Amino acid sequence: MLVDLRRIKEGIEGATLIYSMWQGYLEEDRMRRFRKFVDEMSMTMVSLHTGGHADIDTLKEVVDTVKPKTIIPIHTFKPDLYEDLFPNVLRAEDRKAITI
């Protein structure tokens, strides 16, 4: 995650990061740099359990609740479908920096 966050560094200061992995990872030494970066960027990290397999209705509910300025689909086989569902989608390409 740190590699991806550093790549899109511009525009994420003060953002909210939703962390949905096992809490124990945050205590491991390898996560020290990640947590330091989050702190340096004044990001708020919210731990939220997710299953990783949301259906369309659930995705719409999350977007309606969170009201994000921008949606960046990641870890999906069909990022293009998000553009049909939401007006504020930014598609990222592997290994390419994005700015918001």
PDB file of N, CA and C in Angstrom:
ATOM      1  N   MET A   1       0.809  -1.194   0.000  1.00  0.00           N
ATOM      2  CA  MET A   1       0.000   0.000   0.000  1.00  0.00           C
ATOM      3  C   MET A   1       0.851   1.255   0.000  1.00  0.00           C
ATOM      4  N   LEU A   2       1.951   1.216   0.707  1.00  0.00           N
ATOM      5  CA  LEU A   2       2.789   2.400   0.819  1.00  0.00           C
ATOM      6  C   LEU A   2       3.298   2.841  -0.546  1.00  0.00           C
ATOM      7  N   VAL A   3       3.679   1.898  -1.373  1.00  0.00           N
ATOM      8  CA  VAL A   3       4.154   2.229  -2.725  1.00  0.00           C
ATOM      9  C   VAL A   3       3.068   2.986  -3.484  1.00  0.00           C
ATOM     10  N   ASP A   4       1.835   2.491  -3.416  1.00  0.00           N
ATOM     11  CA  ASP A   4       0.725   3.146  -4.110  1.00  0.00           C
ATOM     12  C   ASP A   4       0.446   4.529  -3.539  1.00  0.00           C
ATOM     13  N   LEU A   5       0.451   4.662  -2.226  1.00  0.00           N
ATOM     14  CA  LEU A   5       0.188   5.961  -1.616  1.00  0.00           C
ATOM     15  C   LEU A   5       1.269   6.975  -1.961  1.00  0.00           C
ATOM     16  N   ARG A   6       2.508   6.542  -1.968  1.00  0.00           N
ATOM     17  CA  ARG A   6       3.596   7.466  -2.335  1.00  0.00           C
ATOM     18  C   ARG A   6       3.470   7.901  -3.791  1.00  0.00           C
ATOM     19  N   ARG A   7       2.980   7.016  -4.630  1.00  0.00           N
ATOM     20  CA  ARG A   7       2.840   7.332  -6.054  1.00  0.00           C
ATOM     21  C   ARG A   7       1.770   8.396  -6.277  1.00  0.00           C
ATOM     22  N   ILE A   8       0.725   8.397  -5.454  1.00  0.00           N
ATOM     23  CA  ILE A   8      -0.354   9.366  -5.617  1.00  0.00           C
ATOM     24  C   ILE A   8      -0.313  10.425  -4.524  1.00  0.00           C
ATOM     25  N   LYS A   9       0.854  10.684  -3.988  1.00  0.00           N
ATOM     26  CA  LYS A   9       1.044  11.541  -2.818  1.00  0.00           C
ATOM     27  C   LYS A   9       0.353  12.896  -2.949  1.00  0.00           C
ATOM     28  N   GLU A  10       0.451  13.511  -4.101  1.00  0.00           N
ATOM     29  CA  GLU A  10      -0.145  14.829  -4.273  1.00  0.00           C
ATOM     30  C   GLU A  10      -1.666  14.731  -4.195  1.00  0.00           C
ATOM     31  N   GLY A  11      -2.250  15.506  -3.310  1.00  0.00           N
ATOM     32  CA  GLY A  11      -3.696  15.538  -3.211  1.00  0.00           C
ATOM     33  C   GLY A  11      -4.300  14.637  -2.151  1.00  0.00           C
ATOM     34  N   ILE A  12      -3.479  13.848  -1.452  1.00  0.00           N
ATOM     35  CA  ILE A  12      -4.068  12.960  -0.440  1.00  0.00           C
ATOM     36  C   ILE A  12      -3.837  13.451   0.979  1.00  0.00           C
ATOM     37  N   GLU A  13      -3.144  14.561   1.136  1.00  0.00           N
ATOM     38  CA  GLU A  13      -2.919  15.081   2.485  1.00  0.00           C
ATOM     39  C   GLU A  13      -4.268  15.381   3.139  1.00  0.00           C
ATOM     40  N   GLY A  14      -4.433  14.880   4.350  1.00  0.00           N
ATOM     41  CA  GLY A  14      -5.671  15.095   5.085  1.00  0.00           C
ATOM     42  C   GLY A  14      -6.792  14.143   4.704  1.00  0.00           C
ATOM     43  N   ALA A  15      -6.522  13.208   3.802  1.00  0.00           N
ATOM     44  CA  ALA A  15      -7.554  12.259   3.361  1.00  0.00           C
ATOM     45  C   ALA A  15      -7.854  11.244   4.450  1.00  0.00           C
ATOM     46  N   THR A  16      -8.950  10.553   4.278  1.00  0.00           N
ATOM     47  CA  THR A  16      -9.305   9.455   5.172  1.00  0.00           C
ATOM     48  C   THR A  16      -8.956   8.147   4.485  1.00  0.00           C
ATOM     49  N   LEU A  17      -8.191   7.308   5.156  1.00  0.00           N
ATOM     50  CA  LEU A  17      -7.795   6.016   4.634  1.00  0.00           C
ATOM     51  C   LEU A  17      -8.616   4.951   5.352  1.00  0.00           C
ATOM     52  N   ILE A  18      -9.317   4.122   4.604  1.00  0.00           N
ATOM     53  CA  ILE A  18     -10.086   3.036   5.202  1.00  0.00           C
ATOM     54  C   ILE A  18      -9.200   1.799   5.192  1.00  0.00           C
ATOM     55  N   TYR A  19      -8.844   1.339   6.372  1.00  0.00           N
ATOM     56  CA  TYR A  19      -7.979   0.170   6.545  1.00  0.00           C
ATOM     57  C   TYR A  19      -8.867  -1.021   6.865  1.00  0.00           C
ATOM     58  N   SER A  20      -8.832  -2.037   5.989  1.00  0.00           N
ATOM     59  CA  SER A  20      -9.750  -3.159   6.180  1.00  0.00           C
ATOM     60  C   SER A  20      -9.045  -4.507   6.276  1.00  0.00           C
ATOM     61  N   MET A  21      -7.781  -4.477   6.651  1.00  0.00           N
ATOM     62  CA  MET A  21      -7.056  -5.730   6.829  1.00  0.00           C
ATOM     63  C   MET A  21      -6.966  -6.060   8.325  1.00  0.00           C
ATOM     64  N   TRP A  22      -6.379  -7.191   8.619  1.00  0.00           N
ATOM     65  CA  TRP A  22      -6.207  -7.647   9.985  1.00  0.00           C
ATOM     66  C   TRP A  22      -5.453  -6.593  10.800  1.00  0.00           C
ATOM     67  N   GLN A  23      -5.967  -6.274  11.986  1.00  0.00           N
ATOM     68  CA  GLN A  23      -5.372  -5.245  12.841  1.00  0.00           C
ATOM     69  C   GLN A  23      -3.946  -5.596  13.279  1.00  0.00           C
ATOM     70  N   GLY A  24      -3.654  -6.865  13.412  1.00  0.00           N
ATOM     71  CA  GLY A  24      -2.324  -7.292  13.829  1.00  0.00           C
ATOM     72  C   GLY A  24      -1.217  -6.842  12.890  1.00  0.00           C
ATOM     73  N   TYR A  25      -1.542  -6.680  11.595  1.00  0.00           N
ATOM     74  CA  TYR A  25      -0.527  -6.213  10.644  1.00  0.00           C
ATOM     75  C   TYR A  25       0.008  -4.839  11.044  1.00  0.00           C
ATOM     76  N   LEU A  26      -0.840  -4.006  11.608  1.00  0.00           N
ATOM     77  CA  LEU A  26      -0.416  -2.651  11.968  1.00  0.00           C
ATOM     78  C   LEU A  26       0.653  -2.643  13.043  1.00  0.00           C
ATOM     79  N   GLU A  27       0.768  -3.718  13.795  1.00  0.00           N
ATOM     80  CA  GLU A  27       1.760  -3.806  14.864  1.00  0.00           C
ATOM     81  C   GLU A  27       3.093  -4.370  14.389  1.00  0.00           C
ATOM     82  N   GLU A  28       3.136  -4.876  13.164  1.00  0.00           N
ATOM     83  CA  GLU A  28       4.371  -5.474  12.647  1.00  0.00           C
ATOM     84  C   GLU A  28       5.361  -4.397  12.231  1.00  0.00           C
ATOM     85  N   ASP A  29       6.638  -4.706  12.350  1.00  0.00           N
ATOM     86  CA  ASP A  29       7.698  -3.760  11.994  1.00  0.00           C
ATOM     87  C   ASP A  29       7.577  -3.274  10.554  1.00  0.00           C
ATOM     88  N   ARG A  30       7.178  -4.162   9.660  1.00  0.00           N
ATOM     89  CA  ARG A  30       7.116  -3.784   8.239  1.00  0.00           C
ATOM     90  C   ARG A  30       6.058  -2.714   7.965  1.00  0.00           C
ATOM     91  N   MET A  31       5.138  -2.510   8.905  1.00  0.00           N
ATOM     92  CA  MET A  31       4.105  -1.498   8.726  1.00  0.00           C
ATOM     93  C   MET A  31       4.487  -0.146   9.317  1.00  0.00           C
ATOM     94  N   ARG A  32       5.645  -0.087   9.966  1.00  0.00           N
ATOM     95  CA  ARG A  32       6.082   1.156  10.601  1.00  0.00           C
ATOM     96  C   ARG A  32       6.170   2.306   9.591  1.00  0.00           C
ATOM     97  N   ARG A  33       6.768   2.050   8.419  1.00  0.00           N
ATOM     98  CA  ARG A  33       6.893   3.096   7.393  1.00  0.00           C
ATOM     99  C   ARG A  33       5.521   3.536   6.877  1.00  0.00           C
ATOM    100  N   PHE A  34       4.612   2.563   6.731  1.00  0.00           N
ATOM    101  CA  PHE A  34       3.263   2.878   6.267  1.00  0.00           C
ATOM    102  C   PHE A  34       2.559   3.806   7.255  1.00  0.00           C
ATOM    103  N   ARG A  35       2.605   3.464   8.526  1.00  0.00           N
ATOM    104  CA  ARG A  35       1.940   4.275   9.549  1.00  0.00           C
ATOM    105  C   ARG A  35       2.583   5.650   9.669  1.00  0.00           C
ATOM    106  N   LYS A  36       3.895   5.715   9.514  1.00  0.00           N
ATOM    107  CA  LYS A  36       4.597   6.999   9.563  1.00  0.00           C
ATOM    108  C   LYS A  36       4.154   7.882   8.403  1.00  0.00           C
ATOM    109  N   PHE A  37       4.040   7.302   7.213  1.00  0.00           N
ATOM    110  CA  PHE A  37       3.594   8.061   6.044  1.00  0.00           C
ATOM    111  C   PHE A  37       2.180   8.602   6.268  1.00  0.00           C
ATOM    112  N   VAL A  38       1.291   7.758   6.770  1.00  0.00           N
ATOM    113  CA  VAL A  38      -0.088   8.184   7.048  1.00  0.00           C
ATOM    114  C   VAL A  38      -0.077   9.368   8.017  1.00  0.00           C
ATOM    115  N   ASP A  39       0.743   9.302   9.059  1.00  0.00           N
ATOM    116  CA  ASP A  39       0.844  10.405  10.020  1.00  0.00           C
ATOM    117  C   ASP A  39       1.413  11.660   9.366  1.00  0.00           C
ATOM    118  N   GLU A  40       2.478  11.504   8.572  1.00  0.00           N
ATOM    119  CA  GLU A  40       3.108  12.649   7.913  1.00  0.00           C
ATOM    120  C   GLU A  40       2.145  13.360   6.956  1.00  0.00           C
ATOM    121  N   MET A  41       1.252  12.605   6.355  1.00  0.00           N
ATOM    122  CA  MET A  41       0.294  13.174   5.407  1.00  0.00           C
ATOM    123  C   MET A  41      -0.978  13.660   6.112  1.00  0.00           C
ATOM    124  N   SER A  42      -0.980  13.638   7.446  1.00  0.00           N
ATOM    125  CA  SER A  42      -2.141  14.063   8.241  1.00  0.00           C
ATOM    126  C   SER A  42      -3.408  13.336   7.811  1.00  0.00           C
ATOM    127  N   MET A  43      -3.239  12.072   7.452  1.00  0.00           N
ATOM    128  CA  MET A  43      -4.380  11.265   7.043  1.00  0.00           C
ATOM    129  C   MET A  43      -5.040  10.652   8.271  1.00  0.00           C
ATOM    130  N   THR A  44      -6.334  10.470   8.194  1.00  0.00           N
ATOM    131  CA  THR A  44      -7.080   9.784   9.243  1.00  0.00           C
ATOM    132  C   THR A  44      -7.261   8.348   8.806  1.00  0.00           C
ATOM    133  N   MET A  45      -6.824   7.408   9.627  1.00  0.00           N
ATOM    134  CA  MET A  45      -6.986   6.002   9.285  1.00  0.00           C
ATOM    135  C   MET A  45      -8.160   5.435  10.086  1.00  0.00           C
ATOM    136  N   VAL A  46      -9.147   4.937   9.366  1.00  0.00           N
ATOM    137  CA  VAL A  46     -10.323   4.341   9.979  1.00  0.00           C
ATOM    138  C   VAL A  46     -10.278   2.847   9.713  1.00  0.00           C
ATOM    139  N   SER A  47     -10.354   2.052  10.766  1.00  0.00           N
ATOM    140  CA  SER A  47     -10.388   0.603  10.604  1.00  0.00           C
ATOM    141  C   SER A  47     -11.841   0.182  10.403  1.00  0.00           C
ATOM    142  N   LEU A  48     -12.075  -0.516   9.311  1.00  0.00           N
ATOM    143  CA  LEU A  48     -13.427  -0.918   8.958  1.00  0.00           C
ATOM    144  C   LEU A  48     -13.363  -2.294   8.327  1.00  0.00           C
ATOM    145  N   HIS A  49     -14.047  -3.248   8.921  1.00  0.00           N
ATOM    146  CA  HIS A  49     -14.046  -4.596   8.359  1.00  0.00           C
ATOM    147  C   HIS A  49     -14.811  -4.617   7.045  1.00  0.00           C
ATOM    148  N   THR A  50     -14.209  -5.219   6.043  1.00  0.00           N
ATOM    149  CA  THR A  50     -14.885  -5.410   4.761  1.00  0.00           C
ATOM    150  C   THR A  50     -14.638  -6.826   4.299  1.00  0.00           C
ATOM    151  N   GLY A  51     -15.553  -7.346   3.529  1.00  0.00           N
ATOM    152  CA  GLY A  51     -15.407  -8.694   3.004  1.00  0.00           C
ATOM    153  C   GLY A  51     -14.688  -8.724   1.677  1.00  0.00           C
ATOM    154  N   GLY A  52     -14.636  -7.587   1.006  1.00  0.00           N
ATOM    155  CA  GLY A  52     -13.939  -7.525  -0.266  1.00  0.00           C
ATOM    156  C   GLY A  52     -14.770  -7.965  -1.454  1.00  0.00           C
ATOM    157  N   HIS A  53     -16.006  -8.341  -1.227  1.00  0.00           N
ATOM    158  CA  HIS A  53     -16.846  -8.823  -2.318  1.00  0.00           C
ATOM    159  C   HIS A  53     -18.216  -8.163  -2.244  1.00  0.00           C
ATOM    160  N   ALA A  54     -18.230  -6.857  -2.372  1.00  0.00           N
ATOM    161  CA  ALA A  54     -19.487  -6.116  -2.282  1.00  0.00           C
ATOM    162  C   ALA A  54     -20.255  -6.209  -3.594  1.00  0.00           C
ATOM    163  N   ASP A  55     -21.572  -6.331  -3.465  1.00  0.00           N
ATOM    164  CA  ASP A  55     -22.415  -6.305  -4.668  1.00  0.00           C
ATOM    165  C   ASP A  55     -22.697  -4.845  -5.038  1.00  0.00           C
ATOM    166  N   ILE A  56     -23.330  -4.632  -6.162  1.00  0.00           N
ATOM    167  CA  ILE A  56     -23.558  -3.278  -6.668  1.00  0.00           C
ATOM    168  C   ILE A  56     -24.383  -2.447  -5.693  1.00  0.00           C
ATOM    169  N   ASP A  57     -25.425  -3.035  -5.116  1.00  0.00           N
ATOM    170  CA  ASP A  57     -26.253  -2.282  -4.168  1.00  0.00           C
ATOM    171  C   ASP A  57     -25.448  -1.826  -2.959  1.00  0.00           C
ATOM    172  N   THR A  58     -24.551  -2.680  -2.488  1.00  0.00           N
ATOM    173  CA  THR A  58     -23.715  -2.317  -1.341  1.00  0.00           C
ATOM    174  C   THR A  58     -22.733  -1.215  -1.720  1.00  0.00           C
ATOM    175  N   LEU A  59     -22.135  -1.302  -2.914  1.00  0.00           N
ATOM    176  CA  LEU A  59     -21.231  -0.244  -3.370  1.00  0.00           C
ATOM    177  C   LEU A  59     -21.963   1.097  -3.432  1.00  0.00           C
ATOM    178  N   LYS A  60     -23.171   1.086  -3.955  1.00  0.00           N
ATOM    179  CA  LYS A  60     -23.961   2.323  -4.034  1.00  0.00           C
ATOM    180  C   LYS A  60     -24.257   2.870  -2.638  1.00  0.00           C
ATOM    181  N   GLU A  61     -24.568   1.967  -1.705  1.00  0.00           N
ATOM    182  CA  GLU A  61     -24.862   2.390  -0.337  1.00  0.00           C
ATOM    183  C   GLU A  61     -23.627   3.019   0.317  1.00  0.00           C
ATOM    184  N   VAL A  62     -22.463   2.415   0.107  1.00  0.00           N
ATOM    185  CA  VAL A  62     -21.224   2.969   0.664  1.00  0.00           C
ATOM    186  C   VAL A  62     -20.964   4.356   0.090  1.00  0.00           C
ATOM    187  N   VAL A  63     -21.090   4.495  -1.223  1.00  0.00           N
ATOM    188  CA  VAL A  63     -20.845   5.791  -1.862  1.00  0.00           C
ATOM    189  C   VAL A  63     -21.860   6.826  -1.381  1.00  0.00           C
ATOM    190  N   ASP A  64     -23.129   6.443  -1.259  1.00  0.00           N
ATOM    191  CA  ASP A  64     -24.150   7.370  -0.769  1.00  0.00           C
ATOM    192  C   ASP A  64     -23.874   7.806   0.670  1.00  0.00           C
ATOM    193  N   THR A  65     -23.324   6.902   1.472  1.00  0.00           N
ATOM    194  CA  THR A  65     -23.035   7.199   2.873  1.00  0.00           C
ATOM    195  C   THR A  65     -21.771   8.046   3.020  1.00  0.00           C
ATOM    196  N   VAL A  66     -20.699   7.643   2.337  1.00  0.00           N
ATOM    197  CA  VAL A  66     -19.402   8.310   2.476  1.00  0.00           C
ATOM    198  C   VAL A  66     -19.336   9.615   1.685  1.00  0.00           C
ATOM    199  N   LYS A  67     -20.023   9.661   0.546  1.00  0.00           N
ATOM    200  CA  LYS A  67     -20.027  10.826  -0.346  1.00  0.00           C
ATOM    201  C   LYS A  67     -18.605  11.274  -0.732  1.00  0.00           C
ATOM    202  N   PRO A  68     -17.815  10.356  -1.291  1.00  0.00           N
ATOM    203  CA  PRO A  68     -16.434  10.707  -1.654  1.00  0.00           C
ATOM    204  C   PRO A  68     -16.394  11.701  -2.813  1.00  0.00           C
ATOM    205  N   LYS A  69     -15.364  12.537  -2.812  1.00  0.00           N
ATOM    206  CA  LYS A  69     -15.159  13.459  -3.935  1.00  0.00           C
ATOM    207  C   LYS A  69     -14.768  12.686  -5.185  1.00  0.00           C
ATOM    208  N   THR A  70     -13.950  11.654  -4.986  1.00  0.00           N
ATOM    209  CA  THR A  70     -13.438  10.854  -6.099  1.00  0.00           C
ATOM    210  C   THR A  70     -13.442   9.386  -5.698  1.00  0.00           C
ATOM    211  N   ILE A  71     -13.777   8.532  -6.638  1.00  0.00           N
ATOM    212  CA  ILE A  71     -13.730   7.089  -6.430  1.00  0.00           C
ATOM    213  C   ILE A  71     -12.655   6.532  -7.347  1.00  0.00           C
ATOM    214  N   ILE A  72     -11.699   5.816  -6.771  1.00  0.00           N
ATOM    215  CA  ILE A  72     -10.625   5.198  -7.542  1.00  0.00           C
ATOM    216  C   ILE A  72     -10.737   3.698  -7.344  1.00  0.00           C
ATOM    217  N   PRO A  73     -11.329   2.990  -8.313  1.00  0.00           N
ATOM    218  CA  PRO A  73     -11.462   1.532  -8.167  1.00  0.00           C
ATOM    219  C   PRO A  73     -10.092   0.856  -8.185  1.00  0.00           C
ATOM    220  N   ILE A  74      -9.859   0.001  -7.209  1.00  0.00           N
ATOM    221  CA  ILE A  74      -8.625  -0.786  -7.174  1.00  0.00           C
ATOM    222  C   ILE A  74      -8.982  -2.227  -6.874  1.00  0.00           C
ATOM    223  N   HIS A  75      -8.103  -3.108  -7.216  1.00  0.00           N
ATOM    224  CA  HIS A  75      -8.273  -4.530  -6.951  1.00  0.00           C
ATOM    225  C   HIS A  75      -9.610  -5.036  -7.509  1.00  0.00           C
ATOM    226  N   THR A  76      -9.843  -4.725  -8.773  1.00  0.00           N
ATOM    227  CA  THR A  76     -11.071  -5.156  -9.429  1.00  0.00           C
ATOM    228  C   THR A  76     -10.758  -5.548 -10.868  1.00  0.00           C
ATOM    229  N   PHE A  77     -11.493  -6.516 -11.363  1.00  0.00           N
ATOM    230  CA  PHE A  77     -11.317  -6.941 -12.747  1.00  0.00           C
ATOM    231  C   PHE A  77     -12.057  -6.034 -13.717  1.00  0.00           C
ATOM    232  N   LYS A  78     -13.019  -5.249 -13.226  1.00  0.00           N
ATOM    233  CA  LYS A  78     -13.847  -4.433 -14.112  1.00  0.00           C
ATOM    234  C   LYS A  78     -13.979  -2.998 -13.613  1.00  0.00           C
ATOM    235  N   PRO A  79     -12.867  -2.253 -13.590  1.00  0.00           N
ATOM    236  CA  PRO A  79     -12.947  -0.873 -13.100  1.00  0.00           C
ATOM    237  C   PRO A  79     -13.829   0.008 -13.982  1.00  0.00           C
ATOM    238  N   ASP A  80     -13.972  -0.342 -15.244  1.00  0.00           N
ATOM    239  CA  ASP A  80     -14.780   0.463 -16.162  1.00  0.00           C
ATOM    240  C   ASP A  80     -16.256   0.477 -15.774  1.00  0.00           C
ATOM    241  N   LEU A  81     -16.725  -0.559 -15.087  1.00  0.00           N
ATOM    242  CA  LEU A  81     -18.130  -0.607 -14.687  1.00  0.00           C
ATOM    243  C   LEU A  81     -18.469   0.464 -13.650  1.00  0.00           C
ATOM    244  N   TYR A  82     -17.478   0.902 -12.889  1.00  0.00           N
ATOM    245  CA  TYR A  82     -17.715   1.952 -11.901  1.00  0.00           C
ATOM    246  C   TYR A  82     -18.166   3.245 -12.582  1.00  0.00           C
ATOM    247  N   GLU A  83     -17.640   3.502 -13.764  1.00  0.00           N
ATOM    248  CA  GLU A  83     -18.006   4.727 -14.490  1.00  0.00           C
ATOM    249  C   GLU A  83     -19.484   4.727 -14.872  1.00  0.00           C
ATOM    250  N   ASP A  84     -20.065   3.545 -15.031  1.00  0.00           N
ATOM    251  CA  ASP A  84     -21.495   3.452 -15.320  1.00  0.00           C
ATOM    252  C   ASP A  84     -22.341   3.688 -14.069  1.00  0.00           C
ATOM    253  N   LEU A  85     -21.758   3.476 -12.895  1.00  0.00           N
ATOM    254  CA  LEU A  85     -22.494   3.577 -11.641  1.00  0.00           C
ATOM    255  C   LEU A  85     -22.356   4.928 -10.950  1.00  0.00           C
ATOM    256  N   PHE A  86     -21.192   5.561 -11.104  1.00  0.00           N
ATOM    257  CA  PHE A  86     -20.894   6.767 -10.339  1.00  0.00           C
ATOM    258  C   PHE A  86     -20.300   7.849 -11.242  1.00  0.00           C
ATOM    259  N   PRO A  87     -20.599   9.130 -10.938  1.00  0.00           N
ATOM    260  CA  PRO A  87     -20.106  10.208 -11.808  1.00  0.00           C
ATOM    261  C   PRO A  87     -18.671  10.649 -11.525  1.00  0.00           C
ATOM    262  N   ASN A  88     -18.123  10.299 -10.391  1.00  0.00           N
ATOM    263  CA  ASN A  88     -16.837  10.841  -9.954  1.00  0.00           C
ATOM    264  C   ASN A  88     -15.747   9.773  -9.867  1.00  0.00           C
ATOM    265  N   VAL A  89     -15.588   9.001 -10.947  1.00  0.00           N
ATOM    266  CA  VAL A  89     -14.635   7.893 -10.969  1.00  0.00           C
ATOM    267  C   VAL A  89     -13.354   8.324 -11.680  1.00  0.00           C
ATOM    268  N   LEU A  90     -12.239   7.987 -11.069  1.00  0.00           N
ATOM    269  CA  LEU A  90     -10.928   8.201 -11.678  1.00  0.00           C
ATOM    270  C   LEU A  90     -10.267   6.843 -11.804  1.00  0.00           C
ATOM    271  N   ARG A  91     -10.002   6.441 -13.035  1.00  0.00           N
ATOM    272  CA  ARG A  91      -9.365   5.135 -13.253  1.00  0.00           C
ATOM    273  C   ARG A  91      -7.859   5.285 -13.208  1.00  0.00           C
ATOM    274  N   ALA A  92      -7.241   4.475 -12.381  1.00  0.00           N
ATOM    275  CA  ALA A  92      -5.786   4.474 -12.258  1.00  0.00           C
ATOM    276  C   ALA A  92      -5.220   3.332 -13.095  1.00  0.00           C
ATOM    277  N   GLU A  93      -4.062   3.582 -13.667  1.00  0.00           N
ATOM    278  CA  GLU A  93      -3.366   2.539 -14.420  1.00  0.00           C
ATOM    279  C   GLU A  93      -2.183   2.062 -13.584  1.00  0.00           C
ATOM    280  N   ASP A  94      -1.908   0.770 -13.676  1.00  0.00           N
ATOM    281  CA  ASP A  94      -0.783   0.214 -12.937  1.00  0.00           C
ATOM    282  C   ASP A  94       0.490   0.982 -13.244  1.00  0.00           C
ATOM    283  N   ARG A  95       1.222   1.285 -12.169  1.00  0.00           N
ATOM    284  CA  ARG A  95       2.519   1.937 -12.234  1.00  0.00           C
ATOM    285  C   ARG A  95       2.497   3.330 -12.853  1.00  0.00           C
ATOM    286  N   LYS A  96       1.345   4.001 -12.829  1.00  0.00           N
ATOM    287  CA  LYS A  96       1.243   5.374 -13.329  1.00  0.00           C
ATOM    288  C   LYS A  96       0.727   6.258 -12.195  1.00  0.00           C
ATOM    289  N   ALA A  97       1.392   7.397 -12.012  1.00  0.00           N
ATOM    290  CA  ALA A  97       0.983   8.339 -10.979  1.00  0.00           C
ATOM    291  C   ALA A  97      -0.330   9.010 -11.371  1.00  0.00           C
ATOM    292  N   ILE A  98      -1.133   9.308 -10.373  1.00  0.00           N
ATOM    293  CA  ILE A  98      -2.367  10.056 -10.607  1.00  0.00           C
ATOM    294  C   ILE A  98      -2.398  11.248  -9.671  1.00  0.00           C
ATOM    295  N   THR A  99      -3.093  12.283 -10.081  1.00  0.00           N
ATOM    296  CA  THR A  99      -3.287  13.443  -9.217  1.00  0.00           C
ATOM    297  C   THR A  99      -4.780  13.739  -9.165  1.00  0.00           C
ATOM    298  N   ILE A 100      -5.193  14.212  -8.044  1.00  0.00           N
ATOM    299  CA  ILE A 100      -6.614  14.514  -7.847  1.00  0.00           C
ATOM    300  C   ILE A 100      -6.801  15.997  -7.734  1.00  0.00           C
TER     301      ILE A 100
END
